[in-house]
Amino acid sequence: MDTKLNENELVKKYRPLATAAGVGSMLGSGIIIGLSTTLAVWQDGLQLSNSQAGTISGVLTLMIGFGSLFGGRIAEHVGLIKTFNRINLFYGFGTLICVFSTNFAMLVVGIGIAGITSGIDLPVSLAVISRDAPDKSVNNKLVSYTQIFWQLGTFVSSVAAFIVSKVSGAMGARIVFGVLTVIAFFAWLWRLESPTFKKFHALGNEYWAKMDLENKDESKANNASVINVLFHQGKGKYMKFFIMIISYYCLWNLLANTWGQFGTFMLRKANASQSLATGAGLVISFCVMGVIAFFSKVCSNNKSRMSSFIVGAIITFASFILLGFFGTAVIGIILAQFSYQVGASLAGEAMYKVWTQESFPMGVRSSIQGIVNGTSRLLCALFAIVTPSLVMPGRIITTMWVFSVVVIIYAIIGVVMGRTQKKYGIDAE
């Protein structure tokens, strides 16, 4: 590892790797938003029934969850770098099948392939960054930097869907998925052929080989299974971290999934026009990318990171209080959406990613990240069945007051997580 450069120079040097990993996050959010914004178009263009349309959406969520759960194990057998280099090729095949779909079966197959590969990519990409980054502080900044691309994927898919919204038949949806296909093939070739990445991977190999020789206990932890790490190593600290992280992320993601899938739905039920509902979402997504960029600057320092987390949790809490007071008013929903997105950028998914990467041995990080992400996705898929009824005008006020309590619970878990890391010496300087 190169220790001659200062931290900012190292972050700049390794940022292309984080960008290539971030493109995977971009494809992950892109397929979710791409399908949600074009599902009605697919339904009309392919003459699908309501149950078939619902099945397609369910297949995507389930396959993302399945890929996340088993992505780490797949990478262990195939090889972390091989999986990182090639997974986007298969994603591209999936979206390409969608582009040329002429019936329900073809679309389900394409969506399923794209879903499972995007689920695999997230934990694998973060594990590659963690493996190749020269130190923990640089790793934290690079991991949080990838969150910008998740937001960018949401923005790009929304813009593409908005642009082609007037195209007749299923052609508009095919264009959106065609854009995702091009990005996926580009990411595959970039990861596979970049000489810079090959150099980073080689340096990572040298570093971890040296660590294995110098620290046999750490080497044993890095090569252990998830079961061994959680139940037999670290005198219980890894299990504590796992319980707190999975509890935090499942609670957080239930709320995030509500906004992500039903934010526009809530506005439409409040009698907002389609252009206002989608336009507000685009503006908010663009603004939030700046907040995520700010978080990536402060996340390497535990004290600054936790301060940002607390501020973010307070802003998130305020978003649900706003809806509790404003109820079904369009302006209230838009303000609440903006407040939520800002708060979630400081106290949200980026925190769970950083916690996971710095709290567990390198050899099990992708597996644990996948277990947490996959479990959360499956819970969200189940919760989505009842979410539409919970955000209808007659129930939305009560729902938002309940959600505000959920924010308090996961914020407390987050604070305890930060203190537990400090107790065990996992505290970025």
Protein backbone atom coordinates (compact mmCIF):
# COMPACT_ATOMS: atom_id res chain seq x y z
CA MET A 1 0.00 0.00 0.00
CA ASP A 2 1.18 3.50 -0.78
CA THR A 3 1.82 5.31 2.50
CA LYS A 4 3.77 8.25 1.07
CA LEU A 5 0.64 10.18 0.08
CA ASN A 6 -1.59 12.00 2.57
CA GLU A 7 -5.21 10.98 3.08
CA ASN A 8 -6.75 13.41 0.57
CA GLU A 9 -4.24 12.36 -2.08
CA LEU A 10 -4.98 8.69 -1.43
CA VAL A 11 -8.73 9.29 -1.69
CA LYS A 12 -8.18 11.05 -5.01
CA LYS A 13 -5.91 8.24 -6.23
CA TYR A 14 -8.41 5.48 -5.38
CA ARG A 15 -11.56 7.39 -6.34
CA PRO A 16 -11.73 5.81 -9.84
CA LEU A 17 -12.10 2.40 -8.16
CA ALA A 18 -14.86 3.77 -5.93
CA THR A 19 -16.51 5.28 -9.02
CA ALA A 20 -16.46 1.93 -10.82
CA ALA A 21 -17.96 0.32 -7.71
CA GLY A 22 -20.46 3.18 -7.49
CA VAL A 23 -21.67 2.50 -11.02
CA GLY A 24 -22.88 -0.84 -9.65
CA SER A 25 -24.92 1.05 -7.04
CA MET A 26 -26.18 3.29 -9.83
CA LEU A 27 -27.38 0.22 -11.75
CA GLY A 28 -28.99 -1.14 -8.57
CA SER A 29 -31.12 1.92 -7.94
CA GLY A 30 -31.56 2.37 -11.69
CA ILE A 31 -33.32 -0.96 -12.14
CA ILE A 32 -35.60 -0.30 -9.15
CA ILE A 33 -36.64 3.19 -10.25
CA GLY A 34 -36.52 2.24 -13.93
CA LEU A 35 -39.10 -0.48 -13.40
CA SER A 36 -41.29 1.51 -11.00
CA THR A 37 -41.51 4.44 -13.43
CA THR A 38 -42.19 2.25 -16.49
CA LEU A 39 -44.29 -0.58 -15.05
CA ALA A 40 -47.53 0.92 -16.31
CA VAL A 41 -45.92 1.40 -19.73
CA TRP A 42 -44.84 -2.26 -19.85
CA GLN A 43 -48.34 -3.26 -18.78
CA ASP A 44 -49.98 -1.32 -21.60
CA GLY A 45 -47.37 -2.20 -24.23
CA LEU A 46 -47.32 -5.96 -23.53
CA GLN A 47 -50.99 -6.12 -22.48
CA LEU A 48 -50.20 -7.50 -19.05
CA SER A 49 -52.79 -8.11 -16.36
CA ASN A 50 -52.63 -6.36 -13.00
CA SER A 51 -51.43 -9.57 -11.35
CA GLN A 52 -48.68 -9.97 -13.93
CA ALA A 53 -47.53 -6.39 -13.40
CA GLY A 54 -47.44 -6.97 -9.65
CA THR A 55 -45.52 -10.21 -10.15
CA ILE A 56 -42.82 -8.44 -12.15
CA SER A 57 -42.30 -5.89 -9.39
CA GLY A 58 -42.24 -8.65 -6.77
CA VAL A 59 -39.72 -10.70 -8.75
CA LEU A 60 -37.33 -7.75 -8.89
CA THR A 61 -37.45 -7.17 -5.13
CA LEU A 62 -37.08 -10.87 -4.32
CA MET A 63 -34.18 -11.38 -6.74
CA ILE A 64 -32.31 -8.36 -5.37
CA GLY A 65 -32.78 -9.79 -1.89
CA PHE A 66 -31.68 -13.27 -3.01
CA GLY A 67 -28.60 -11.87 -4.75
CA SER A 68 -27.66 -9.86 -1.69
CA LEU A 69 -28.08 -12.83 0.64
CA PHE A 70 -25.96 -15.20 -1.42
CA GLY A 71 -23.68 -12.78 -3.26
CA GLY A 72 -20.96 -13.07 -0.64
CA ARG A 73 -20.94 -16.87 -0.83
CA ILE A 74 -20.86 -16.73 -4.62
CA ALA A 75 -17.88 -14.38 -4.48
CA GLU A 76 -16.11 -16.71 -2.05
CA HIS A 77 -16.36 -19.58 -4.55
CA VAL A 78 -15.81 -17.65 -7.79
CA GLY A 79 -13.37 -15.10 -6.40
CA LEU A 80 -14.02 -11.57 -5.17
CA ILE A 81 -12.23 -9.77 -8.02
CA LYS A 82 -13.59 -12.11 -10.71
CA THR A 83 -17.12 -11.48 -9.47
CA PHE A 84 -16.52 -7.72 -9.30
CA ASN A 85 -15.14 -7.66 -12.85
CA ARG A 86 -17.85 -9.72 -14.53
CA ILE A 87 -21.14 -9.30 -12.66
CA ASN A 88 -22.24 -6.26 -14.68
CA LEU A 89 -21.95 -8.28 -17.91
CA PHE A 90 -24.77 -10.53 -16.68
CA TYR A 91 -26.77 -7.52 -15.49
CA GLY A 92 -26.49 -6.15 -19.04
CA PHE A 93 -27.76 -9.44 -20.47
CA GLY A 94 -30.76 -9.19 -18.15
CA THR A 95 -31.70 -5.64 -19.13
CA LEU A 96 -31.07 -6.48 -22.80
CA ILE A 97 -33.64 -9.29 -22.54
CA CYS A 98 -36.05 -6.68 -21.15
CA VAL A 99 -35.36 -4.37 -24.09
CA PHE A 100 -36.43 -7.08 -26.56
CA SER A 101 -39.20 -8.60 -24.44
CA THR A 102 -42.39 -9.39 -26.34
CA ASN A 103 -44.28 -11.12 -23.54
CA PHE A 104 -44.60 -11.54 -19.80
CA ALA A 105 -42.23 -14.52 -19.54
CA MET A 106 -39.33 -12.74 -21.28
CA LEU A 107 -39.75 -9.66 -19.12
CA VAL A 108 -39.78 -11.74 -15.92
CA VAL A 109 -36.58 -13.53 -16.96
CA GLY A 110 -34.81 -10.28 -17.81
CA ILE A 111 -35.94 -8.55 -14.62
CA GLY A 112 -34.93 -11.58 -12.57
CA ILE A 113 -31.39 -11.66 -14.01
CA ALA A 114 -30.92 -7.90 -13.57
CA GLY A 115 -32.29 -8.09 -10.03
CA ILE A 116 -30.12 -10.94 -8.77
CA THR A 117 -26.94 -9.50 -10.32
CA SER A 118 -27.56 -6.04 -8.87
CA GLY A 119 -28.12 -7.68 -5.49
CA ILE A 120 -24.79 -9.50 -5.78
CA ASP A 121 -22.90 -6.42 -6.94
CA LEU A 122 -23.44 -4.16 -3.92
CA PRO A 123 -21.74 -6.21 -1.17
CA VAL A 124 -19.05 -7.41 -3.57
CA SER A 125 -18.18 -3.89 -4.76
CA LEU A 126 -17.90 -2.54 -1.22
CA ALA A 127 -15.74 -5.50 -0.21
CA VAL A 128 -13.38 -4.80 -3.12
CA ILE A 129 -13.00 -1.19 -2.00
CA SER A 130 -12.36 -2.31 1.56
CA ARG A 131 -9.82 -4.87 0.35
CA ASP A 132 -7.90 -2.50 -1.92
CA ALA A 133 -8.12 0.78 0.06
CA PRO A 134 -4.81 1.64 1.77
CA ASP A 135 -6.31 2.36 5.21
CA LYS A 136 -9.58 2.54 7.16
CA SER A 137 -10.07 6.29 6.86
CA VAL A 138 -9.66 6.25 3.09
CA ASN A 139 -11.93 3.20 2.88
CA ASN A 140 -14.72 4.97 4.78
CA LYS A 141 -14.61 7.98 2.47
CA LEU A 142 -14.61 5.79 -0.64
CA VAL A 143 -17.50 3.62 0.60
CA SER A 144 -19.64 6.64 1.46
CA TYR A 145 -18.72 8.18 -1.91
CA THR A 146 -20.43 5.26 -3.68
CA GLN A 147 -23.74 6.37 -2.13
CA ILE A 148 -23.74 9.35 -4.51
CA PHE A 149 -24.12 6.88 -7.37
CA TRP A 150 -27.14 5.21 -5.79
CA GLN A 151 -28.81 8.60 -5.80
CA LEU A 152 -27.51 9.27 -9.32
CA GLY A 153 -29.09 6.04 -10.55
CA THR A 154 -32.42 7.16 -9.15
CA PHE A 155 -32.04 10.52 -10.85
CA VAL A 156 -30.95 9.13 -14.25
CA SER A 157 -33.76 6.57 -14.42
CA SER A 158 -36.34 9.17 -13.40
CA VAL A 159 -35.09 11.63 -16.02
CA ALA A 160 -35.04 8.95 -18.73
CA ALA A 161 -38.56 7.82 -17.86
CA PHE A 162 -39.78 11.44 -17.85
CA ILE A 163 -38.22 12.15 -21.27
CA VAL A 164 -39.79 9.11 -22.94
CA SER A 165 -43.13 9.37 -21.13
CA LYS A 166 -44.87 10.48 -24.32
CA VAL A 167 -43.51 7.62 -26.44
CA SER A 168 -46.28 5.22 -27.45
CA GLY A 169 -46.46 1.56 -26.50
CA ALA A 170 -43.62 -0.13 -24.64
CA MET A 171 -40.92 1.69 -26.61
CA GLY A 172 -40.36 4.26 -23.85
CA ALA A 173 -39.69 1.51 -21.33
CA ARG A 174 -37.37 -0.25 -23.78
CA ILE A 175 -35.34 2.95 -24.13
CA VAL A 176 -34.98 3.29 -20.34
CA PHE A 177 -33.74 -0.30 -20.04
CA GLY A 178 -31.51 0.24 -23.06
CA VAL A 179 -29.78 3.07 -21.19
CA LEU A 180 -29.18 0.72 -18.24
CA THR A 181 -27.80 -1.91 -20.63
CA VAL A 182 -25.24 0.50 -22.08
CA ILE A 183 -24.12 1.58 -18.59
CA ALA A 184 -23.81 -2.06 -17.48
CA PHE A 185 -21.62 -3.09 -20.44
CA PHE A 186 -19.46 0.00 -19.93
CA ALA A 187 -19.00 -0.87 -16.23
CA TRP A 188 -18.09 -4.46 -17.14
CA LEU A 189 -15.39 -3.44 -19.62
CA TRP A 190 -14.02 -0.72 -17.33
CA ARG A 191 -13.68 -2.99 -14.30
CA LEU A 192 -12.25 -5.85 -16.37
CA GLU A 193 -9.70 -3.98 -18.49
CA SER A 194 -8.54 -1.03 -16.38
CA PRO A 195 -4.76 -1.30 -15.73
CA THR A 196 -5.20 1.03 -12.75
CA PHE A 197 -7.64 -1.36 -11.10
CA LYS A 198 -5.36 -4.32 -11.79
CA LYS A 199 -2.60 -2.45 -9.97
CA PHE A 200 -4.88 -1.70 -7.01
CA HIS A 201 -5.91 -5.37 -6.82
CA ALA A 202 -2.27 -6.49 -6.91
CA LEU A 203 -1.34 -4.05 -4.13
CA GLY A 204 -4.29 -5.34 -2.14
CA ASN A 205 -3.06 -8.92 -2.58
CA GLU A 206 0.39 -7.92 -1.32
CA TYR A 207 -1.00 -6.04 1.65
CA TRP A 208 -3.28 -8.82 2.88
CA ALA A 209 -0.61 -11.48 2.31
CA LYS A 210 1.73 -9.43 4.50
CA MET A 211 -0.99 -8.97 7.12
CA ASP A 212 -1.57 -12.73 7.19
CA LEU A 213 2.10 -13.32 7.94
CA GLU A 214 2.41 -10.58 10.56
CA ASN A 215 -0.86 -11.12 12.39
CA LYS A 216 -1.98 -14.73 12.49
CA ASP A 217 -5.02 -13.96 14.67
CA GLU A 218 -6.27 -11.40 12.17
CA SER A 219 -5.49 -13.79 9.33
CA LYS A 220 -7.56 -16.48 11.03
CA ALA A 221 -10.48 -14.04 11.37
CA ASN A 222 -10.21 -12.95 7.74
CA ASN A 223 -10.38 -16.53 6.49
CA ALA A 224 -13.15 -17.69 8.82
CA SER A 225 -16.77 -18.29 7.89
CA VAL A 226 -19.57 -15.93 8.89
CA ILE A 227 -20.78 -18.45 11.49
CA ASN A 228 -17.34 -18.71 13.07
CA VAL A 229 -16.86 -14.95 13.14
CA LEU A 230 -20.25 -14.24 14.69
CA PHE A 231 -20.36 -17.06 17.23
CA HIS A 232 -16.77 -17.94 18.04
CA GLN A 233 -14.49 -14.95 17.48
CA GLY A 234 -14.08 -11.55 19.09
CA LYS A 235 -15.68 -12.64 22.38
CA GLY A 236 -19.13 -11.62 21.17
CA LYS A 237 -18.29 -8.22 19.70
CA TYR A 238 -19.01 -9.28 16.11
CA MET A 239 -22.44 -10.61 17.07
CA LYS A 240 -23.19 -7.32 18.86
CA PHE A 241 -22.21 -5.39 15.74
CA PHE A 242 -24.29 -7.68 13.52
CA ILE A 243 -27.44 -7.41 15.65
CA MET A 244 -27.22 -3.62 15.84
CA ILE A 245 -26.46 -3.15 12.13
CA ILE A 246 -29.19 -5.47 10.85
CA SER A 247 -31.75 -4.01 13.29
CA TYR A 248 -30.80 -0.48 12.30
CA TYR A 249 -30.85 -1.11 8.56
CA CYS A 250 -34.10 -3.09 8.49
CA LEU A 251 -35.93 -0.33 10.38
CA TRP A 252 -34.35 2.43 8.32
CA ASN A 253 -35.03 0.69 5.02
CA LEU A 254 -38.72 0.16 5.79
CA LEU A 255 -39.12 3.94 5.83
CA ALA A 256 -36.77 4.50 2.90
CA ASN A 257 -38.66 1.95 0.84
CA THR A 258 -41.93 3.73 1.62
CA TRP A 259 -40.61 7.01 0.24
CA GLY A 260 -38.80 5.35 -2.67
CA GLN A 261 -41.74 3.33 -3.96
CA PHE A 262 -44.69 5.41 -2.80
CA GLY A 263 -43.52 9.04 -2.63
CA THR A 264 -45.08 9.86 -6.00
CA PHE A 265 -48.09 7.71 -5.08
CA MET A 266 -48.71 9.85 -1.98
CA LEU A 267 -48.56 13.07 -4.01
CA ARG A 268 -50.92 11.73 -6.65
CA LYS A 269 -53.42 10.66 -3.96
CA ALA A 270 -53.15 14.21 -2.59
CA ASN A 271 -54.33 15.42 -6.04
CA ALA A 272 -50.93 16.66 -7.25
CA SER A 273 -50.41 16.50 -11.01
CA GLN A 274 -48.10 13.84 -12.47
CA SER A 275 -45.68 16.54 -13.68
CA LEU A 276 -45.52 18.14 -10.22
CA ALA A 277 -45.08 14.79 -8.48
CA THR A 278 -42.26 13.59 -10.74
CA GLY A 279 -40.68 17.05 -11.05
CA ALA A 280 -40.48 17.46 -7.28
CA GLY A 281 -38.78 14.09 -7.02
CA LEU A 282 -36.19 15.01 -9.63
CA VAL A 283 -35.30 18.30 -7.93
CA ILE A 284 -35.04 16.65 -4.52
CA SER A 285 -32.82 13.84 -5.86
CA PHE A 286 -30.48 16.36 -7.45
CA CYS A 287 -30.17 18.43 -4.26
CA VAL A 288 -29.57 15.39 -2.07
CA MET A 289 -26.47 14.37 -4.06
CA GLY A 290 -24.71 17.42 -2.58
CA VAL A 291 -25.59 16.31 0.96
CA ILE A 292 -24.21 12.82 0.26
CA ALA A 293 -21.00 14.37 -1.07
CA PHE A 294 -20.68 16.32 2.19
CA PHE A 295 -21.11 13.14 4.24
CA SER A 296 -18.34 11.42 2.29
CA LYS A 297 -15.99 14.19 3.47
CA VAL A 298 -16.69 13.75 7.19
CA CYS A 299 -17.32 10.02 7.51
CA SER A 300 -13.68 9.04 8.14
CA ASN A 301 -13.74 10.71 11.56
CA ASN A 302 -15.96 8.88 14.04
CA LYS A 303 -16.84 11.99 16.04
CA SER A 304 -17.82 14.03 12.96
CA ARG A 305 -19.66 11.06 11.49
CA MET A 306 -21.76 10.52 14.60
CA SER A 307 -22.51 14.24 14.88
CA SER A 308 -23.77 14.18 11.30
CA PHE A 309 -25.76 11.04 12.08
CA ILE A 310 -27.55 12.70 14.99
CA VAL A 311 -28.34 15.79 12.91
CA GLY A 312 -29.61 13.56 10.10
CA ALA A 313 -31.82 11.58 12.49
CA ILE A 314 -33.35 14.80 13.83
CA ILE A 315 -34.07 16.06 10.30
CA THR A 316 -35.57 12.67 9.39
CA PHE A 317 -37.77 12.79 12.49
CA ALA A 318 -38.89 16.30 11.49
CA SER A 319 -39.98 15.02 8.06
CA PHE A 320 -42.55 12.69 9.60
CA ILE A 321 -43.67 15.34 12.07
CA LEU A 322 -44.30 17.62 9.08
CA LEU A 323 -46.59 15.02 7.54
CA GLY A 324 -48.20 14.43 10.90
CA PHE A 325 -49.23 18.10 10.98
CA PHE A 326 -49.78 18.83 7.27
CA GLY A 327 -51.37 15.48 6.46
CA THR A 328 -52.49 15.32 2.83
CA ALA A 329 -51.49 18.86 1.81
CA VAL A 330 -49.28 18.71 -1.30
CA ILE A 331 -46.81 21.30 0.02
CA GLY A 332 -46.50 19.35 3.27
CA ILE A 333 -45.69 16.11 1.44
CA ILE A 334 -43.07 17.82 -0.75
CA LEU A 335 -41.40 19.50 2.24
CA ALA A 336 -41.47 16.20 4.12
CA GLN A 337 -39.92 14.38 1.16
CA PHE A 338 -37.10 16.92 0.94
CA SER A 339 -36.52 16.82 4.69
CA TYR A 340 -36.51 13.03 4.72
CA GLN A 341 -34.04 12.72 1.84
CA VAL A 342 -31.62 15.19 3.44
CA GLY A 343 -31.85 13.45 6.81
CA ALA A 344 -31.48 9.98 5.32
CA SER A 345 -28.34 11.07 3.49
CA LEU A 346 -26.67 11.78 6.85
CA ALA A 347 -28.33 9.04 8.91
CA GLY A 348 -29.07 6.26 6.49
CA GLU A 349 -27.65 3.68 4.13
CA ALA A 350 -24.16 5.17 3.95
CA MET A 351 -23.79 4.71 7.72
CA TYR A 352 -24.65 1.01 7.57
CA LYS A 353 -22.18 0.48 4.73
CA VAL A 354 -19.35 2.16 6.62
CA TRP A 355 -20.18 0.33 9.87
CA THR A 356 -20.19 -3.05 8.13
CA GLN A 357 -16.94 -2.49 6.28
CA GLU A 358 -14.97 -1.33 9.32
CA SER A 359 -16.51 -3.61 11.99
CA PHE A 360 -15.90 -7.09 10.52
CA PRO A 361 -12.88 -9.03 9.23
CA MET A 362 -12.23 -8.49 5.53
CA GLY A 363 -13.01 -12.09 4.54
CA VAL A 364 -16.66 -11.96 5.67
CA ARG A 365 -17.59 -8.34 4.92
CA SER A 366 -19.28 -9.03 1.59
CA SER A 367 -21.24 -11.95 3.06
CA ILE A 368 -22.44 -9.97 6.09
CA GLN A 369 -23.24 -6.95 3.94
CA GLY A 370 -25.27 -9.22 1.70
CA ILE A 371 -27.12 -10.86 4.60
CA VAL A 372 -28.08 -7.48 6.04
CA ASN A 373 -29.09 -6.03 2.67
CA GLY A 374 -30.94 -9.14 1.53
CA THR A 375 -32.88 -9.55 4.77
CA SER A 376 -33.90 -5.91 4.63
CA ARG A 377 -35.04 -6.22 1.00
CA LEU A 378 -37.19 -9.24 1.75
CA LEU A 379 -38.83 -7.45 4.69
CA CYS A 380 -39.47 -4.43 2.47
CA ALA A 381 -41.08 -6.67 -0.15
CA LEU A 382 -43.51 -7.98 2.48
CA PHE A 383 -44.15 -4.51 3.92
CA ALA A 384 -44.84 -3.10 0.44
CA ILE A 385 -47.99 -5.23 0.30
CA VAL A 386 -49.65 -3.12 3.01
CA THR A 387 -47.85 0.19 2.41
CA PRO A 388 -50.33 1.60 -0.17
CA SER A 389 -53.18 1.36 2.34
CA LEU A 390 -51.04 2.97 5.05
CA VAL A 391 -50.26 6.09 3.01
CA MET A 392 -53.78 6.74 1.75
CA PRO A 393 -55.18 10.16 2.80
CA GLY A 394 -57.36 8.64 5.52
CA ARG A 395 -54.46 6.88 7.26
CA ILE A 396 -51.33 8.81 6.36
CA ILE A 397 -51.28 11.04 9.46
CA THR A 398 -51.41 8.09 11.87
CA THR A 399 -48.82 6.21 9.78
CA MET A 400 -46.38 9.12 9.89
CA TRP A 401 -46.63 9.45 13.66
CA VAL A 402 -45.81 5.73 13.94
CA PHE A 403 -42.90 6.18 11.51
CA SER A 404 -41.54 9.02 13.66
CA VAL A 405 -41.28 6.55 16.56
CA VAL A 406 -39.39 4.14 14.27
CA VAL A 407 -36.88 6.93 13.56
CA ILE A 408 -36.27 7.38 17.29
CA ILE A 409 -35.67 3.63 17.71
CA TYR A 410 -33.15 3.26 14.87
CA ALA A 411 -31.43 6.52 15.87
CA ILE A 412 -30.86 5.11 19.37
CA ILE A 413 -29.49 1.90 17.83
CA GLY A 414 -27.14 3.99 15.68
CA VAL A 415 -25.80 5.95 18.64
CA VAL A 416 -25.23 2.73 20.61
CA MET A 417 -23.47 1.26 17.58
CA GLY A 418 -21.08 4.21 17.43
CA ARG A 419 -20.30 3.93 21.14
CA THR A 420 -19.79 0.17 20.89
CA GLN A 421 -17.30 0.66 18.06
CA LYS A 422 -15.42 3.15 20.22
CA LYS A 423 -15.44 0.70 23.13
CA TYR A 424 -13.74 -1.95 21.01
CA GLY A 425 -11.26 0.47 19.47
CA ILE A 426 -12.93 0.64 16.06
CA ASP A 427 -12.80 4.41 16.06
CA ALA A 428 -11.50 6.33 13.05
CA GLU A 429 -8.98 8.94 14.02
